[in-house]
């Protein structure tokens, strides 16, 4: 969710997967009748599946960031980032079981290395720094405007923010973007 803390994702996933949980939450609002009449939430019968949650939380972000060749799937050659939760998607489950399962991963494998087993962190994993190497046609007028604002409003110069070279980036993974055309 936009601007929502990731610690609340399990609860939001519960609401997305359970009409019962959504209805229960709607009735707890101080002005529940106004909320229900002002939104379409009460009328939504759809409940997302585990597959749809996986698409929304894993494959979707990878696709949006242009990283589908490396992340967001299990195809050969992709990073083996896998999370296993303690819930059987084939068995009946309650809304609270959904939230409980997504609150703590049972197993996490990051770039092929187990980092969580039985809910306990056992390894820091192989870390990489993803960064964007953007090639752009710089507009001299825009640069002058930015430099002018820095001189007027900041106590440091624009040069303090420039990062040249890749020596500051541990284990770099560059996403190449050419916006010069």
Protein backbone atom coordinates (compact mmCIF):
# COMPACT_ATOMS: atom_id res chain seq x y z
CA UNK A 1 0.00 0.00 0.00
CA UNK A 2 1.15 3.48 -0.78
CA UNK A 3 2.76 5.01 2.34
CA UNK A 4 1.68 2.08 4.51
CA UNK A 5 4.22 0.48 6.83
CA UNK A 6 5.38 -2.93 5.63
CA UNK A 7 4.68 -4.33 9.10
CA UNK A 8 0.96 -3.99 8.29
CA UNK A 9 1.15 -5.88 4.98
CA UNK A 10 -0.04 -9.14 6.58
CA UNK A 11 -3.23 -7.42 7.78
CA UNK A 12 -3.82 -5.82 4.39
CA UNK A 13 -3.24 -9.17 2.67
CA UNK A 14 -5.85 -10.63 5.03
CA UNK A 15 -8.35 -7.97 3.93
CA UNK A 16 -7.54 -8.58 0.26
CA UNK A 17 -8.04 -12.33 0.65
CA UNK A 18 -11.12 -12.28 2.90
CA UNK A 19 -14.45 -10.49 2.44
CA UNK A 20 -15.30 -11.55 6.00
CA UNK A 21 -12.23 -9.70 7.37
CA UNK A 22 -13.05 -6.58 5.32
CA UNK A 23 -16.65 -6.53 6.54
CA UNK A 24 -15.55 -7.05 10.13
CA UNK A 25 -13.12 -4.13 9.86
CA UNK A 26 -15.67 -1.82 8.21
CA UNK A 27 -18.09 -2.25 11.12
CA UNK A 28 -15.47 -1.07 13.64
CA UNK A 29 -15.20 2.45 12.21
CA UNK A 30 -16.69 5.25 14.29
CA UNK A 31 -18.89 6.34 11.37
CA UNK A 32 -19.19 2.94 9.70
CA UNK A 33 -22.44 3.83 7.94
CA UNK A 34 -20.82 6.87 6.29
CA UNK A 35 -17.72 4.89 5.27
CA UNK A 36 -19.86 2.13 3.79
CA UNK A 37 -22.07 4.56 1.87
CA UNK A 38 -19.11 6.65 0.62
CA UNK A 39 -17.02 3.72 -0.66
CA UNK A 40 -17.50 0.55 -2.65
CA UNK A 41 -15.67 -1.62 -0.11
CA UNK A 42 -18.86 -3.10 1.36
CA UNK A 43 -20.00 -4.37 -2.01
CA UNK A 44 -16.74 -6.07 -2.99
CA UNK A 45 -17.16 -9.84 -2.98
CA UNK A 46 -13.85 -10.64 -4.65
CA UNK A 47 -11.15 -12.37 -2.60
CA UNK A 48 -7.62 -12.55 -3.99
CA UNK A 49 -5.87 -15.92 -4.24
CA UNK A 50 -2.38 -16.78 -3.04
CA UNK A 51 -1.29 -16.68 -6.68
CA UNK A 52 -2.62 -13.12 -7.06
CA UNK A 53 -0.89 -12.04 -3.83
CA UNK A 54 2.39 -13.49 -5.17
CA UNK A 55 1.90 -11.60 -8.44
CA UNK A 56 1.12 -8.37 -6.59
CA UNK A 57 4.00 -8.57 -4.10
CA UNK A 58 6.75 -10.23 -6.15
CA UNK A 59 6.28 -10.38 -9.91
CA UNK A 60 4.43 -7.05 -10.18
CA UNK A 61 7.12 -4.89 -8.56
CA UNK A 62 9.85 -6.66 -10.56
CA UNK A 63 7.93 -5.95 -13.77
CA UNK A 64 7.28 -2.32 -12.80
CA UNK A 65 11.00 -1.78 -12.13
CA UNK A 66 12.08 -3.50 -15.34
CA UNK A 67 13.77 -6.36 -13.46
CA UNK A 68 11.76 -9.28 -14.84
CA UNK A 69 14.85 -10.98 -16.22
CA UNK A 70 16.37 -11.20 -12.74
CA UNK A 71 13.58 -10.99 -10.16
CA UNK A 72 9.92 -11.87 -9.72
CA UNK A 73 9.97 -15.45 -10.97
CA UNK A 74 11.50 -18.90 -10.67
CA UNK A 75 12.82 -19.39 -14.22
CA UNK A 76 16.37 -20.68 -14.75
CA UNK A 77 18.95 -17.89 -14.50
CA UNK A 78 16.83 -15.70 -12.22
CA UNK A 79 17.86 -14.88 -8.65
CA UNK A 80 16.53 -17.54 -6.30
CA UNK A 81 14.65 -15.25 -3.91
CA UNK A 82 11.99 -17.47 -2.34
CA UNK A 83 9.80 -16.99 0.73
CA UNK A 84 7.82 -19.87 2.27
CA UNK A 85 4.97 -19.17 4.67
CA UNK A 86 3.44 -21.63 7.14
CA UNK A 87 0.03 -21.97 5.50
CA UNK A 88 -1.42 -24.54 3.12
CA UNK A 89 -3.16 -22.72 0.25
CA UNK A 90 -5.09 -25.91 -0.59
CA UNK A 91 -6.62 -26.29 2.90
CA UNK A 92 -9.39 -24.13 4.39
CA UNK A 93 -8.04 -21.19 6.39
CA UNK A 94 -9.40 -18.33 8.46
CA UNK A 95 -8.60 -14.64 7.95
CA UNK A 96 -6.52 -14.67 11.13
CA UNK A 97 -4.48 -17.62 9.82
CA UNK A 98 -3.68 -15.58 6.70
CA UNK A 99 -2.42 -12.65 8.79
CA UNK A 100 -0.47 -14.97 11.11
CA UNK A 101 1.21 -16.78 8.21
CA UNK A 102 2.28 -13.59 6.41
CA UNK A 103 3.54 -12.04 9.68
CA UNK A 104 6.61 -14.28 9.82
CA UNK A 105 8.27 -16.18 7.02
CA UNK A 106 9.05 -19.81 7.77
CA UNK A 107 11.87 -19.96 5.20
CA UNK A 108 13.62 -17.25 3.15
CA UNK A 109 16.15 -18.01 0.43
CA UNK A 110 17.98 -14.95 -0.95
CA UNK A 111 20.05 -15.39 -4.13
CA UNK A 112 20.10 -19.11 -3.47
CA UNK A 113 21.29 -18.86 0.16
CA UNK A 114 18.96 -19.64 3.11
CA UNK A 115 18.73 -16.58 5.36
CA UNK A 116 15.72 -17.58 7.50
CA UNK A 117 14.89 -21.11 8.66
CA UNK A 118 11.96 -21.93 10.95
CA UNK A 119 11.35 -18.21 11.36
CA UNK A 120 14.88 -17.53 12.67
CA UNK A 121 17.47 -15.40 10.83
CA UNK A 122 20.52 -17.61 10.25
CA UNK A 123 22.49 -15.64 7.65
CA UNK A 124 22.75 -12.13 6.20
CA UNK A 125 22.66 -13.54 2.68
CA UNK A 126 24.38 -12.28 -0.43
CA UNK A 127 23.81 -8.55 -0.52
CA UNK A 128 23.70 -6.48 -3.68
CA UNK A 129 23.09 -2.80 -4.25
CA UNK A 130 20.71 -2.14 -7.11
CA UNK A 131 21.22 1.27 -8.68
CA UNK A 132 20.20 3.05 -11.85
CA UNK A 133 22.89 4.12 -14.30
CA UNK A 134 20.86 6.71 -16.20
CA UNK A 135 22.16 8.38 -19.33
CA UNK A 136 20.30 11.65 -19.99
CA UNK A 137 20.70 14.73 -22.12
CA UNK A 138 21.44 17.36 -19.51
CA UNK A 139 19.70 20.69 -19.92
CA UNK A 140 22.07 23.54 -18.96
CA UNK A 141 19.18 25.81 -17.94
CA UNK A 142 17.79 23.19 -15.54
CA UNK A 143 21.26 22.69 -14.04
CA UNK A 144 21.61 26.46 -13.53
CA UNK A 145 18.20 26.61 -11.84
CA UNK A 146 19.07 23.76 -9.48
CA UNK A 147 22.47 25.25 -8.65
CA UNK A 148 20.80 28.61 -7.96
CA UNK A 149 18.34 26.99 -5.53
CA UNK A 150 21.20 25.20 -3.78
CA UNK A 151 23.10 28.45 -3.34
CA UNK A 152 20.02 30.18 -1.99
CA UNK A 153 18.54 27.49 0.31
CA UNK A 154 21.28 25.01 1.26
CA UNK A 155 24.41 25.30 3.38
CA UNK A 156 26.28 22.80 1.20
CA UNK A 157 26.98 22.91 -2.50
CA UNK A 158 25.47 20.71 -5.16
CA UNK A 159 28.89 19.02 -5.52
CA UNK A 160 28.40 17.42 -2.10
CA UNK A 161 25.65 15.23 -3.57
CA UNK A 162 27.47 13.98 -6.64
CA UNK A 163 28.63 10.38 -6.57
CA UNK A 164 31.28 9.73 -9.18
CA UNK A 165 32.51 6.30 -9.98
CA UNK A 166 31.21 3.05 -8.55
CA UNK A 167 33.58 2.72 -5.60
CA UNK A 168 30.85 3.76 -3.12
CA UNK A 169 28.55 0.93 -4.15
CA UNK A 170 29.19 -2.47 -2.54
CA UNK A 171 28.30 -5.44 -4.76
CA UNK A 172 26.74 -3.24 -7.47
CA UNK A 173 23.98 -4.32 -9.83
CA UNK A 174 23.43 -1.55 -12.36
CA UNK A 175 20.14 -1.05 -14.14
CA UNK A 176 21.13 0.63 -17.40
CA UNK A 177 18.77 3.33 -18.69
CA UNK A 178 19.50 5.32 -21.83
CA UNK A 179 17.12 8.28 -22.04
CA UNK A 180 19.25 10.25 -24.52
CA UNK A 181 17.15 9.27 -27.53
